PDB file of N, CA and C in Angstrom:
ATOM      1  N   UNK A   1      29.592  27.264  42.462  1.00  0.00           N
ATOM      2  CA  UNK A   1      28.191  26.988  42.289  1.00  0.00           C
ATOM      3  C   UNK A   1      27.957  26.450  40.877  1.00  0.00           C
ATOM      4  N   UNK A   2      27.084  25.459  40.782  1.00  0.00           N
ATOM      5  CA  UNK A   2      26.666  24.914  39.496  1.00  0.00           C
ATOM      6  C   UNK A   2      25.157  25.085  39.403  1.00  0.00           C
ATOM      7  N   UNK A   3      24.695  25.690  38.324  1.00  0.00           N
ATOM      8  CA  UNK A   3      23.267  25.931  38.116  1.00  0.00           C
ATOM      9  C   UNK A   3      22.872  25.316  36.785  1.00  0.00           C
ATOM     10  N   UNK A   4      21.791  24.528  36.778  1.00  0.00           N
ATOM     11  CA  UNK A   4      21.296  23.960  35.518  1.00  0.00           C
ATOM     12  C   UNK A   4      19.823  23.625  35.638  1.00  0.00           C
ATOM     13  N   UNK A   5      19.193  23.435  34.489  1.00  0.00           N
ATOM     14  CA  UNK A   5      17.799  23.006  34.411  1.00  0.00           C
ATOM     15  C   UNK A   5      17.774  21.508  34.132  1.00  0.00           C
ATOM     16  N   UNK A   6      16.872  20.772  34.782  1.00  0.00           N
ATOM     17  CA  UNK A   6      16.793  19.331  34.522  1.00  0.00           C
ATOM     18  C   UNK A   6      16.361  19.073  33.089  1.00  0.00           C
ATOM     19  N   UNK A   7      15.424  19.870  32.615  1.00  0.00           N
ATOM     20  CA  UNK A   7      15.070  19.889  31.192  1.00  0.00           C
ATOM     21  C   UNK A   7      15.180  21.346  30.781  1.00  0.00           C
ATOM     22  N   UNK A   8      16.068  21.632  29.839  1.00  0.00           N
ATOM     23  CA  UNK A   8      16.368  23.024  29.515  1.00  0.00           C
ATOM     24  C   UNK A   8      15.272  23.680  28.686  1.00  0.00           C
ATOM     25  N   UNK A   9      15.198  24.976  28.841  1.00  0.00           N
ATOM     26  CA  UNK A   9      14.250  25.791  28.091  1.00  0.00           C
ATOM     27  C   UNK A   9      15.055  26.730  27.204  1.00  0.00           C
ATOM     28  N   UNK A  10      14.861  26.789  25.931  1.00  0.00           N
ATOM     29  CA  UNK A  10      13.774  26.240  25.137  1.00  0.00           C
ATOM     30  C   UNK A  10      14.142  24.968  24.375  1.00  0.00           C
ATOM     31  N   UNK A  11      15.375  24.453  24.510  1.00  0.00           N
ATOM     32  CA  UNK A  11      15.805  23.327  23.668  1.00  0.00           C
ATOM     33  C   UNK A  11      15.319  21.962  24.150  1.00  0.00           C
ATOM     34  N   UNK A  12      14.827  21.891  25.398  1.00  0.00           N
ATOM     35  CA  UNK A  12      14.331  20.658  26.009  1.00  0.00           C
ATOM     36  C   UNK A  12      15.396  19.570  26.104  1.00  0.00           C
ATOM     37  N   UNK A  13      16.650  19.985  26.242  1.00  0.00           N
ATOM     38  CA  UNK A  13      17.718  19.017  26.468  1.00  0.00           C
ATOM     39  C   UNK A  13      17.620  18.504  27.900  1.00  0.00           C
ATOM     40  N   UNK A  14      17.887  17.214  28.091  1.00  0.00           N
ATOM     41  CA  UNK A  14      17.794  16.606  29.416  1.00  0.00           C
ATOM     42  C   UNK A  14      19.181  16.443  30.015  1.00  0.00           C
ATOM     43  N   UNK A  15      19.273  16.734  31.294  1.00  0.00           N
ATOM     44  CA  UNK A  15      20.520  16.589  32.040  1.00  0.00           C
ATOM     45  C   UNK A  15      20.274  15.574  33.141  1.00  0.00           C
ATOM     46  N   UNK A  16      21.219  14.671  33.356  1.00  0.00           N
ATOM     47  CA  UNK A  16      21.117  13.680  34.423  1.00  0.00           C
ATOM     48  C   UNK A  16      21.678  14.320  35.696  1.00  0.00           C
ATOM     49  N   UNK A  17      20.799  14.694  36.632  1.00  0.00           N
ATOM     50  CA  UNK A  17      21.259  15.426  37.810  1.00  0.00           C
ATOM     51  C   UNK A  17      22.322  14.699  38.633  1.00  0.00           C
ATOM     52  N   UNK A  18      22.190  13.393  38.794  1.00  0.00           N
ATOM     53  CA  UNK A  18      23.134  12.661  39.649  1.00  0.00           C
ATOM     54  C   UNK A  18      24.581  12.831  39.190  1.00  0.00           C
ATOM     55  N   UNK A  19      24.813  12.828  37.893  1.00  0.00           N
ATOM     56  CA  UNK A  19      26.172  12.981  37.367  1.00  0.00           C
ATOM     57  C   UNK A  19      26.728  14.365  37.649  1.00  0.00           C
ATOM     58  N   UNK A  20      25.910  15.394  37.404  1.00  0.00           N
ATOM     59  CA  UNK A  20      26.352  16.770  37.624  1.00  0.00           C
ATOM     60  C   UNK A  20      26.567  17.018  39.110  1.00  0.00           C
ATOM     61  N   UNK A  21      25.638  16.549  39.934  1.00  0.00           N
ATOM     62  CA  UNK A  21      25.732  16.732  41.385  1.00  0.00           C
ATOM     63  C   UNK A  21      27.002  16.090  41.918  1.00  0.00           C
ATOM     64  N   UNK A  22      27.280  14.877  41.491  1.00  0.00           N
ATOM     65  CA  UNK A  22      28.476  14.164  41.953  1.00  0.00           C
ATOM     66  C   UNK A  22      29.751  14.929  41.619  1.00  0.00           C
ATOM     67  N   UNK A  23      29.856  15.385  40.400  1.00  0.00           N
ATOM     68  CA  UNK A  23      31.040  16.126  39.974  1.00  0.00           C
ATOM     69  C   UNK A  23      31.155  17.469  40.698  1.00  0.00           C
ATOM     70  N   UNK A  24      30.037  18.174  40.826  1.00  0.00           N
ATOM     71  CA  UNK A  24      30.053  19.484  41.487  1.00  0.00           C
ATOM     72  C   UNK A  24      30.441  19.352  42.959  1.00  0.00           C
ATOM     73  N   UNK A  25      29.861  18.395  43.647  1.00  0.00           N
ATOM     74  CA  UNK A  25      30.187  18.217  45.063  1.00  0.00           C
ATOM     75  C   UNK A  25      31.631  17.754  45.245  1.00  0.00           C
ATOM     76  N   UNK A  26      32.148  17.013  44.289  1.00  0.00           N
ATOM     77  CA  UNK A  26      33.547  16.567  44.355  1.00  0.00           C
ATOM     78  C   UNK A  26      34.507  17.750  44.408  1.00  0.00           C
ATOM     79  N   UNK A  27      34.174  18.826  43.691  1.00  0.00           N
ATOM     80  CA  UNK A  27      35.041  20.008  43.683  1.00  0.00           C
ATOM     81  C   UNK A  27      34.584  21.064  44.693  1.00  0.00           C
ATOM     82  N   UNK A  28      33.579  20.742  45.528  1.00  0.00           N
ATOM     83  CA  UNK A  28      33.149  21.634  46.589  1.00  0.00           C
ATOM     84  C   UNK A  28      32.122  22.677  46.203  1.00  0.00           C
ATOM     85  N   UNK A  29      31.479  22.515  45.066  1.00  0.00           N
ATOM     86  CA  UNK A  29      30.469  23.482  44.618  1.00  0.00           C
ATOM     87  C   UNK A  29      29.095  23.105  45.147  1.00  0.00           C
ATOM     88  N   UNK A  30      28.246  24.108  45.358  1.00  0.00           N
ATOM     89  CA  UNK A  30      26.851  23.814  45.667  1.00  0.00           C
ATOM     90  C   UNK A  30      26.100  23.695  44.348  1.00  0.00           C
ATOM     91  N   UNK A  31      25.022  22.939  44.369  1.00  0.00           N
ATOM     92  CA  UNK A  31      24.260  22.671  43.147  1.00  0.00           C
ATOM     93  C   UNK A  31      22.865  23.275  43.268  1.00  0.00           C
ATOM     94  N   UNK A  32      22.511  24.107  42.274  1.00  0.00           N
ATOM     95  CA  UNK A  32      21.188  24.710  42.208  1.00  0.00           C
ATOM     96  C   UNK A  32      20.522  24.218  40.931  1.00  0.00           C
ATOM     97  N   UNK A  33      19.326  23.662  41.064  1.00  0.00           N
ATOM     98  CA  UNK A  33      18.607  23.109  39.920  1.00  0.00           C
ATOM     99  C   UNK A  33      17.323  23.898  39.686  1.00  0.00           C
ATOM    100  N   UNK A  34      17.114  24.308  38.456  1.00  0.00           N
ATOM    101  CA  UNK A  34      15.834  24.871  38.034  1.00  0.00           C
ATOM    102  C   UNK A  34      15.019  23.689  37.542  1.00  0.00           C
ATOM    103  N   UNK A  35      13.999  23.325  38.307  1.00  0.00           N
ATOM    104  CA  UNK A  35      13.250  22.095  38.046  1.00  0.00           C
ATOM    105  C   UNK A  35      11.831  22.383  37.566  1.00  0.00           C
ATOM    106  N   UNK A  36      11.654  23.452  36.810  1.00  0.00           N
ATOM    107  CA  UNK A  36      10.317  23.876  36.398  1.00  0.00           C
ATOM    108  C   UNK A  36       9.656  22.869  35.466  1.00  0.00           C
ATOM    109  N   UNK A  37      10.386  22.369  34.480  1.00  0.00           N
ATOM    110  CA  UNK A  37       9.783  21.447  33.522  1.00  0.00           C
ATOM    111  C   UNK A  37       9.624  20.042  34.069  1.00  0.00           C
ATOM    112  N   UNK A  38      10.292  19.725  35.149  1.00  0.00           N
ATOM    113  CA  UNK A  38      10.190  18.400  35.750  1.00  0.00           C
ATOM    114  C   UNK A  38       9.883  18.568  37.232  1.00  0.00           C
ATOM    115  N   UNK A  39       8.630  18.918  37.577  1.00  0.00           N
ATOM    116  CA  UNK A  39       8.308  19.219  38.972  1.00  0.00           C
ATOM    117  C   UNK A  39       8.505  18.032  39.893  1.00  0.00           C
ATOM    118  N   UNK A  40       8.430  18.302  41.188  1.00  0.00           N
ATOM    119  CA  UNK A  40       8.753  17.288  42.191  1.00  0.00           C
ATOM    120  C   UNK A  40       7.850  16.067  42.148  1.00  0.00           C
ATOM    121  N   UNK A  41       6.726  16.154  41.467  1.00  0.00           N
ATOM    122  CA  UNK A  41       5.882  14.968  41.302  1.00  0.00           C
ATOM    123  C   UNK A  41       6.666  13.894  40.551  1.00  0.00           C
ATOM    124  N   UNK A  42       7.566  14.314  39.657  1.00  0.00           N
ATOM    125  CA  UNK A  42       8.327  13.383  38.832  1.00  0.00           C
ATOM    126  C   UNK A  42       9.799  13.295  39.212  1.00  0.00           C
ATOM    127  N   UNK A  43      10.314  14.284  39.913  1.00  0.00           N
ATOM    128  CA  UNK A  43      11.739  14.307  40.240  1.00  0.00           C
ATOM    129  C   UNK A  43      11.949  14.990  41.578  1.00  0.00           C
ATOM    130  N   UNK A  44      12.621  14.324  42.479  1.00  0.00           N
ATOM    131  CA  UNK A  44      12.953  14.939  43.756  1.00  0.00           C
ATOM    132  C   UNK A  44      14.432  15.311  43.713  1.00  0.00           C
ATOM    133  N   UNK A  45      14.704  16.514  43.236  1.00  0.00           N
ATOM    134  CA  UNK A  45      16.084  16.947  43.021  1.00  0.00           C
ATOM    135  C   UNK A  45      16.882  17.022  44.319  1.00  0.00           C
ATOM    136  N   UNK A  46      16.239  17.311  45.437  1.00  0.00           N
ATOM    137  CA  UNK A  46      16.973  17.334  46.707  1.00  0.00           C
ATOM    138  C   UNK A  46      17.466  15.940  47.075  1.00  0.00           C
ATOM    139  N   UNK A  47      16.652  14.922  46.825  1.00  0.00           N
ATOM    140  CA  UNK A  47      17.092  13.553  47.106  1.00  0.00           C
ATOM    141  C   UNK A  47      18.202  13.114  46.157  1.00  0.00           C
ATOM    142  N   UNK A  48      18.263  13.746  44.987  1.00  0.00           N
ATOM    143  CA  UNK A  48      19.337  13.436  44.037  1.00  0.00           C
ATOM    144  C   UNK A  48      20.625  14.175  44.378  1.00  0.00           C
ATOM    145  N   UNK A  49      20.577  15.012  45.427  1.00  0.00           N
ATOM    146  CA  UNK A  49      21.791  15.672  45.895  1.00  0.00           C
ATOM    147  C   UNK A  49      21.869  17.162  45.654  1.00  0.00           C
ATOM    148  N   UNK A  50      20.869  17.756  45.019  1.00  0.00           N
ATOM    149  CA  UNK A  50      20.891  19.205  44.812  1.00  0.00           C
ATOM    150  C   UNK A  50      20.828  19.906  46.164  1.00  0.00           C
ATOM    151  N   UNK A  51      21.491  21.041  46.252  1.00  0.00           N
ATOM    152  CA  UNK A  51      21.463  21.816  47.486  1.00  0.00           C
ATOM    153  C   UNK A  51      20.301  22.804  47.492  1.00  0.00           C
ATOM    154  N   UNK A  52      19.840  23.191  46.316  1.00  0.00           N
ATOM    155  CA  UNK A  52      18.768  24.167  46.189  1.00  0.00           C
ATOM    156  C   UNK A  52      18.009  23.876  44.898  1.00  0.00           C
ATOM    157  N   UNK A  53      16.670  24.026  44.936  1.00  0.00           N
ATOM    158  CA  UNK A  53      15.844  23.761  43.762  1.00  0.00           C
ATOM    159  C   UNK A  53      14.879  24.921  43.584  1.00  0.00           C
ATOM    160  N   UNK A  54      14.757  25.397  42.354  1.00  0.00           N
ATOM    161  CA  UNK A  54      13.827  26.479  42.025  1.00  0.00           C
ATOM    162  C   UNK A  54      12.643  25.912  41.247  1.00  0.00           C
ATOM    163  N   UNK A  55      11.457  26.431  41.542  1.00  0.00           N
ATOM    164  CA  UNK A  55      10.251  26.120  40.776  1.00  0.00           C
ATOM    165  C   UNK A  55       9.562  27.427  40.432  1.00  0.00           C
ATOM    166  N   UNK A  56       9.061  27.535  39.239  1.00  0.00           N
ATOM    167  CA  UNK A  56       8.285  28.695  38.840  1.00  0.00           C
ATOM    168  C   UNK A  56       6.822  28.408  39.088  1.00  0.00           C
ATOM    169  N   UNK A  57       6.150  29.317  39.784  1.00  0.00           N
ATOM    170  CA  UNK A  57       4.720  29.140  40.031  1.00  0.00           C
ATOM    171  C   UNK A  57       3.897  29.637  38.848  1.00  0.00           C
ATOM    172  N   UNK A  58       4.535  30.311  37.916  1.00  0.00           N
ATOM    173  CA  UNK A  58       3.818  30.884  36.774  1.00  0.00           C
ATOM    174  C   UNK A  58       3.229  29.784  35.905  1.00  0.00           C
ATOM    175  N   UNK A  59       4.002  28.752  35.623  1.00  0.00           N
ATOM    176  CA  UNK A  59       3.580  27.733  34.663  1.00  0.00           C
ATOM    177  C   UNK A  59       2.624  26.710  35.264  1.00  0.00           C
ATOM    178  N   UNK A  60       2.970  26.165  36.428  1.00  0.00           N
ATOM    179  CA  UNK A  60       2.231  25.015  36.935  1.00  0.00           C
ATOM    180  C   UNK A  60       1.137  25.353  37.928  1.00  0.00           C
ATOM    181  N   UNK A  61       1.307  26.390  38.698  1.00  0.00           N
ATOM    182  CA  UNK A  61       0.326  26.652  39.749  1.00  0.00           C
ATOM    183  C   UNK A  61      -0.661  27.722  39.328  1.00  0.00           C
ATOM    184  N   UNK A  62      -0.174  28.877  38.893  1.00  0.00           N
ATOM    185  CA  UNK A  62      -1.113  29.911  38.441  1.00  0.00           C
ATOM    186  C   UNK A  62      -1.740  29.479  37.130  1.00  0.00           C
ATOM    187  N   UNK A  63      -0.940  29.048  36.193  1.00  0.00           N
ATOM    188  CA  UNK A  63      -1.452  28.523  34.929  1.00  0.00           C
ATOM    189  C   UNK A  63      -1.920  29.567  33.934  1.00  0.00           C
ATOM    190  N   UNK A  64      -1.961  30.829  34.343  1.00  0.00           N
ATOM    191  CA  UNK A  64      -2.440  31.862  33.436  1.00  0.00           C
ATOM    192  C   UNK A  64      -1.448  33.007  33.265  1.00  0.00           C
ATOM    193  N   UNK A  65      -0.257  32.871  33.827  1.00  0.00           N
ATOM    194  CA  UNK A  65       0.771  33.888  33.665  1.00  0.00           C
ATOM    195  C   UNK A  65       0.464  35.206  34.354  1.00  0.00           C
ATOM    196  N   UNK A  66      -0.368  35.174  35.404  1.00  0.00           N
ATOM    197  CA  UNK A  66      -0.724  36.409  36.102  1.00  0.00           C
ATOM    198  C   UNK A  66       0.269  36.762  37.190  1.00  0.00           C
ATOM    199  N   UNK A  67       1.063  35.811  37.642  1.00  0.00           N
ATOM    200  CA  UNK A  67       1.903  35.990  38.817  1.00  0.00           C
ATOM    201  C   UNK A  67       3.379  35.851  38.491  1.00  0.00           C
ATOM    202  N   UNK A  68       4.183  36.525  39.257  1.00  0.00           N
ATOM    203  CA  UNK A  68       5.627  36.322  39.212  1.00  0.00           C
ATOM    204  C   UNK A  68       6.046  35.767  40.565  1.00  0.00           C
ATOM    205  N   UNK A  69       5.727  34.510  40.788  1.00  0.00           N
ATOM    206  CA  UNK A  69       6.046  33.841  42.038  1.00  0.00           C
ATOM    207  C   UNK A  69       6.768  32.547  41.738  1.00  0.00           C
ATOM    208  N   UNK A  70       7.434  32.043  42.742  1.00  0.00           N
ATOM    209  CA  UNK A  70       8.105  30.774  42.606  1.00  0.00           C
ATOM    210  C   UNK A  70       8.448  30.229  43.976  1.00  0.00           C
ATOM    211  N   UNK A  71       9.111  29.104  43.988  1.00  0.00           N
ATOM    212  CA  UNK A  71       9.485  28.445  45.223  1.00  0.00           C
ATOM    213  C   UNK A  71      10.958  28.113  45.194  1.00  0.00           C
ATOM    214  N   UNK A  72      11.568  28.161  46.361  1.00  0.00           N
ATOM    215  CA  UNK A  72      12.951  27.744  46.519  1.00  0.00           C
ATOM    216  C   UNK A  72      12.961  26.656  47.579  1.00  0.00           C
ATOM    217  N   UNK A  73      13.474  25.500  47.221  1.00  0.00           N
ATOM    218  CA  UNK A  73      13.648  24.398  48.166  1.00  0.00           C
ATOM    219  C   UNK A  73      15.133  24.261  48.425  1.00  0.00           C
ATOM    220  N   UNK A  74      15.486  24.092  49.692  1.00  0.00           N
ATOM    221  CA  UNK A  74      16.897  24.004  50.040  1.00  0.00           C
ATOM    222  C   UNK A  74      17.107  22.983  51.136  1.00  0.00           C
ATOM    223  N   UNK A  75      18.369  22.671  51.364  1.00  0.00           N
ATOM    224  CA  UNK A  75      18.717  21.859  52.511  1.00  0.00           C
ATOM    225  C   UNK A  75      18.499  22.702  53.762  1.00  0.00           C
ATOM    226  N   UNK A  76      18.292  22.055  54.880  1.00  0.00           N
ATOM    227  CA  UNK A  76      18.037  22.784  56.126  1.00  0.00           C
ATOM    228  C   UNK A  76      19.190  23.737  56.461  1.00  0.00           C
ATOM    229  N   UNK A  77      20.409  23.319  56.203  1.00  0.00           N
ATOM    230  CA  UNK A  77      21.565  24.166  56.496  1.00  0.00           C
ATOM    231  C   UNK A  77      21.548  25.458  55.679  1.00  0.00           C
ATOM    232  N   UNK A  78      21.256  25.360  54.384  1.00  0.00           N
ATOM    233  CA  UNK A  78      21.199  26.562  53.555  1.00  0.00           C
ATOM    234  C   UNK A  78      20.032  27.464  53.947  1.00  0.00           C
ATOM    235  N   UNK A  79      18.924  26.861  54.361  1.00  0.00           N
ATOM    236  CA  UNK A  79      17.777  27.672  54.783  1.00  0.00           C
ATOM    237  C   UNK A  79      18.137  28.497  56.008  1.00  0.00           C
ATOM    238  N   UNK A  80      18.683  27.856  57.037  1.00  0.00           N
ATOM    239  CA  UNK A  80      18.943  28.566  58.288  1.00  0.00           C
ATOM    240  C   UNK A  80      20.125  29.524  58.190  1.00  0.00           C
ATOM    241  N   UNK A  81      21.124  29.201  57.397  1.00  0.00           N
ATOM    242  CA  UNK A  81      22.319  30.060  57.331  1.00  0.00           C
ATOM    243  C   UNK A  81      22.259  31.115  56.234  1.00  0.00           C
ATOM    244  N   UNK A  82      21.484  30.877  55.177  1.00  0.00           N
ATOM    245  CA  UNK A  82      21.495  31.789  54.038  1.00  0.00           C
ATOM    246  C   UNK A  82      20.132  32.414  53.768  1.00  0.00           C
ATOM    247  N   UNK A  83      19.120  31.587  53.553  1.00  0.00           N
ATOM    248  CA  UNK A  83      17.822  32.113  53.127  1.00  0.00           C
ATOM    249  C   UNK A  83      17.090  32.877  54.227  1.00  0.00           C
ATOM    250  N   UNK A  84      17.021  32.313  55.440  1.00  0.00           N
ATOM    251  CA  UNK A  84      16.290  32.987  56.518  1.00  0.00           C
ATOM    252  C   UNK A  84      16.846  34.380  56.819  1.00  0.00           C
ATOM    253  N   UNK A  85      18.164  34.544  57.000  1.00  0.00           N
ATOM    254  CA  UNK A  85      18.675  35.898  57.255  1.00  0.00           C
ATOM    255  C   UNK A  85      18.376  36.864  56.102  1.00  0.00           C
ATOM    256  N   UNK A  86      18.476  36.393  54.871  1.00  0.00           N
ATOM    257  CA  UNK A  86      18.188  37.241  53.717  1.00  0.00           C
ATOM    258  C   UNK A  86      16.725  37.695  53.731  1.00  0.00           C
ATOM    259  N   UNK A  87      15.805  36.745  53.938  1.00  0.00           N
ATOM    260  CA  UNK A  87      14.382  37.075  53.926  1.00  0.00           C
ATOM    261  C   UNK A  87      13.986  37.972  55.100  1.00  0.00           C
ATOM    262  N   UNK A  88      14.633  37.808  56.245  1.00  0.00           N
ATOM    263  CA  UNK A  88      14.328  38.649  57.399  1.00  0.00           C
ATOM    264  C   UNK A  88      14.673  40.109  57.134  1.00  0.00           C
ATOM    265  N   UNK A  89      15.657  40.346  56.293  1.00  0.00           N
ATOM    266  CA  UNK A  89      16.082  41.716  56.001  1.00  0.00           C
ATOM    267  C   UNK A  89      15.446  42.295  54.746  1.00  0.00           C
ATOM    268  N   UNK A  90      14.936  41.442  53.873  1.00  0.00           N
ATOM    269  CA  UNK A  90      14.403  41.951  52.603  1.00  0.00           C
ATOM    270  C   UNK A  90      12.908  41.717  52.436  1.00  0.00           C
ATOM    271  N   UNK A  91      12.329  40.873  53.238  1.00  0.00           N
ATOM    272  CA  UNK A  91      10.904  40.565  53.116  1.00  0.00           C
ATOM    273  C   UNK A  91      10.683  39.520  52.043  1.00  0.00           C
ATOM    274  N   UNK A  92      10.180  38.379  52.441  1.00  0.00           N
ATOM    275  CA  UNK A  92      10.026  37.289  51.485  1.00  0.00           C
ATOM    276  C   UNK A  92       8.611  36.791  51.343  1.00  0.00           C
ATOM    277  N   UNK A  93       7.645  37.655  51.594  1.00  0.00           N
ATOM    278  CA  UNK A  93       6.262  37.213  51.516  1.00  0.00           C
ATOM    279  C   UNK A  93       5.597  37.721  50.252  1.00  0.00           C
ATOM    280  N   UNK A  94       4.783  36.867  49.658  1.00  0.00           N
ATOM    281  CA  UNK A  94       3.999  37.324  48.517  1.00  0.00           C
ATOM    282  C   UNK A  94       2.761  38.055  49.036  1.00  0.00           C
ATOM    283  N   UNK A  95       2.164  38.825  48.198  1.00  0.00           N
ATOM    284  CA  UNK A  95       0.970  39.558  48.607  1.00  0.00           C
ATOM    285  C   UNK A  95      -0.193  38.597  48.837  1.00  0.00           C
ATOM    286  N   UNK A  96      -1.185  39.043  49.576  1.00  0.00           N
ATOM    287  CA  UNK A  96      -2.359  38.214  49.827  1.00  0.00           C
ATOM    288  C   UNK A  96      -3.106  37.915  48.525  1.00  0.00           C
ATOM    289  N   UNK A  97      -3.147  38.880  47.623  1.00  0.00           N
ATOM    290  CA  UNK A  97      -3.817  38.650  46.346  1.00  0.00           C
ATOM    291  C   UNK A  97      -3.097  37.564  45.548  1.00  0.00           C
ATOM    292  N   UNK A  98      -1.763  37.633  45.484  1.00  0.00           N
ATOM    293  CA  UNK A  98      -1.019  36.603  44.750  1.00  0.00           C
ATOM    294  C   UNK A  98      -1.202  35.225  45.385  1.00  0.00           C
ATOM    295  N   UNK A  99      -1.228  35.168  46.712  1.00  0.00           N
ATOM    296  CA  UNK A  99      -1.450  33.884  47.387  1.00  0.00           C
ATOM    297  C   UNK A  99      -2.823  33.328  47.027  1.00  0.00           C
ATOM    298  N   UNK A 100      -3.833  34.190  47.009  1.00  0.00           N
ATOM    299  CA  UNK A 100      -5.188  33.752  46.662  1.00  0.00           C
ATOM    300  C   UNK A 100      -5.248  33.277  45.215  1.00  0.00           C
ATOM    301  N   UNK A 101      -4.597  34.017  44.299  1.00  0.00           N
ATOM    302  CA  UNK A 101      -4.591  33.610  42.890  1.00  0.00           C
ATOM    303  C   UNK A 101      -3.894  32.266  42.707  1.00  0.00           C
ATOM    304  N   UNK A 102      -2.818  32.032  43.468  1.00  0.00           N
ATOM    305  CA  UNK A 102      -2.150  30.734  43.382  1.00  0.00           C
ATOM    306  C   UNK A 102      -3.069  29.619  43.870  1.00  0.00           C
ATOM    307  N   UNK A 103      -3.788  29.867  44.958  1.00  0.00           N
ATOM    308  CA  UNK A 103      -4.735  28.862  45.445  1.00  0.00           C
ATOM    309  C   UNK A 103      -5.820  28.584  44.425  1.00  0.00           C
ATOM    310  N   UNK A 104      -6.300  29.628  43.758  1.00  0.00           N
ATOM    311  CA  UNK A 104      -7.313  29.438  42.712  1.00  0.00           C
ATOM    312  C   UNK A 104      -6.743  28.606  41.563  1.00  0.00           C
ATOM    313  N   UNK A 105      -5.501  28.869  41.188  1.00  0.00           N
ATOM    314  CA  UNK A 105      -4.876  28.088  40.127  1.00  0.00           C
ATOM    315  C   UNK A 105      -4.701  26.635  40.498  1.00  0.00           C
ATOM    316  N   UNK A 106      -4.429  26.382  41.781  1.00  0.00           N
ATOM    317  CA  UNK A 106      -4.232  25.003  42.239  1.00  0.00           C
ATOM    318  C   UNK A 106      -5.512  24.191  42.158  1.00  0.00           C
ATOM    319  N   UNK A 107      -6.654  24.848  42.163  1.00  0.00           N
ATOM    320  CA  UNK A 107      -7.921  24.131  42.062  1.00  0.00           C
ATOM    321  C   UNK A 107      -8.052  23.400  40.728  1.00  0.00           C
ATOM    322  N   UNK A 108      -7.328  23.848  39.733  1.00  0.00           N
ATOM    323  CA  UNK A 108      -7.458  23.243  38.407  1.00  0.00           C
ATOM    324  C   UNK A 108      -6.324  22.283  38.068  1.00  0.00           C
ATOM    325  N   UNK A 109      -5.409  22.064  38.998  1.00  0.00           N
ATOM    326  CA  UNK A 109      -4.311  21.130  38.739  1.00  0.00           C
ATOM    327  C   UNK A 109      -4.816  19.708  38.927  1.00  0.00           C
ATOM    328  N   UNK A 110      -4.645  18.884  37.920  1.00  0.00           N
ATOM    329  CA  UNK A 110      -5.028  17.481  38.007  1.00  0.00           C
ATOM    330  C   UNK A 110      -3.775  16.682  38.289  1.00  0.00           C
ATOM    331  N   UNK A 111      -3.637  16.226  39.519  1.00  0.00           N
ATOM    332  CA  UNK A 111      -2.452  15.473  39.915  1.00  0.00           C
ATOM    333  C   UNK A 111      -2.609  13.980  39.647  1.00  0.00           C
ATOM    334  N   UNK A 112      -3.815  13.555  39.316  1.00  0.00           N
ATOM    335  CA  UNK A 112      -4.037  12.142  39.067  1.00  0.00           C
ATOM    336  C   UNK A 112      -3.832  11.284  40.303  1.00  0.00           C
ATOM    337  N   UNK A 113      -4.154  11.827  41.487  1.00  0.00           N
ATOM    338  CA  UNK A 113      -3.893  11.109  42.727  1.00  0.00           C
ATOM    339  C   UNK A 113      -5.104  10.346  43.267  1.00  0.00           C
ATOM    340  N   UNK A 114      -6.138  10.286  42.510  1.00  0.00           N
ATOM    341  CA  UNK A 114      -7.317   9.565  42.971  1.00  0.00           C
ATOM    342  C   UNK A 114      -8.277   9.370  41.827  1.00  0.00           C
ATOM    343  N   UNK A 115      -9.400   8.696  42.082  1.00  0.00           N
ATOM    344  CA  UNK A 115     -10.361   8.444  41.004  1.00  0.00           C
ATOM    345  C   UNK A 115     -10.855   9.720  40.343  1.00  0.00           C
ATOM    346  N   UNK A 116     -10.982  10.791  41.131  1.00  0.00           N
ATOM    347  CA  UNK A 116     -11.471  12.043  40.546  1.00  0.00           C
ATOM    348  C   UNK A 116     -10.322  12.937  40.117  1.00  0.00           C
ATOM    349  N   UNK A 117      -9.074  12.548  40.415  1.00  0.00           N
ATOM    350  CA  UNK A 117      -7.927  13.379  40.076  1.00  0.00           C
ATOM    351  C   UNK A 117      -7.689  14.470  41.079  1.00  0.00           C
ATOM    352  N   UNK A 118      -8.479  14.502  42.167  1.00  0.00           N
ATOM    353  CA  UNK A 118      -8.308  15.540  43.170  1.00  0.00           C
ATOM    354  C   UNK A 118      -7.231  15.175  44.165  1.00  0.00           C
ATOM    355  N   UNK A 119      -6.523  16.164  44.601  1.00  0.00           N
ATOM    356  CA  UNK A 119      -5.485  15.969  45.604  1.00  0.00           C
ATOM    357  C   UNK A 119      -6.096  16.273  46.970  1.00  0.00           C
ATOM    358  N   UNK A 120      -6.224  15.292  47.835  1.00  0.00           N
ATOM    359  CA  UNK A 120      -6.850  15.491  49.159  1.00  0.00           C
ATOM    360  C   UNK A 120      -5.800  15.444  50.235  1.00  0.00           C
TER     361      UNK A 120
END
C-alpha cells in the first residue's frame, strides 16, 4: 500500500499523483490518497489511478471544526469486497445531528458554479 497527500500538511509540498500511482501499481500496491487540500473540484484522484481517496469533512464542509467526519471514495471492487463488509459489521453511519450540521455547512460553500455561486 502507498499512502500520500496530494498537497502535504503542514509543509504544502505537492506530489504528482500519476507518477506515484504508476510506480505503486507496477509493484502491485494499492494507492490511497488523502486529497483534503485539493478536493475533487480540482483533482479527480480516482481518474488519476488512485484506488482509494480520503476527504476530511472538517475543513471544507463543516467549516467550523465541529465534526469528525470524512469521506472515502474507492473503486467499485474495493467497495464491494472491503468497505461494505467492514461497515456492515462495525456500523458506518454518522449521527443525524452530524449529517444536519454538514448540510448546514454546505449552505455556505461557494463553488462558483453559477452567477450567484450557488450549486444547484
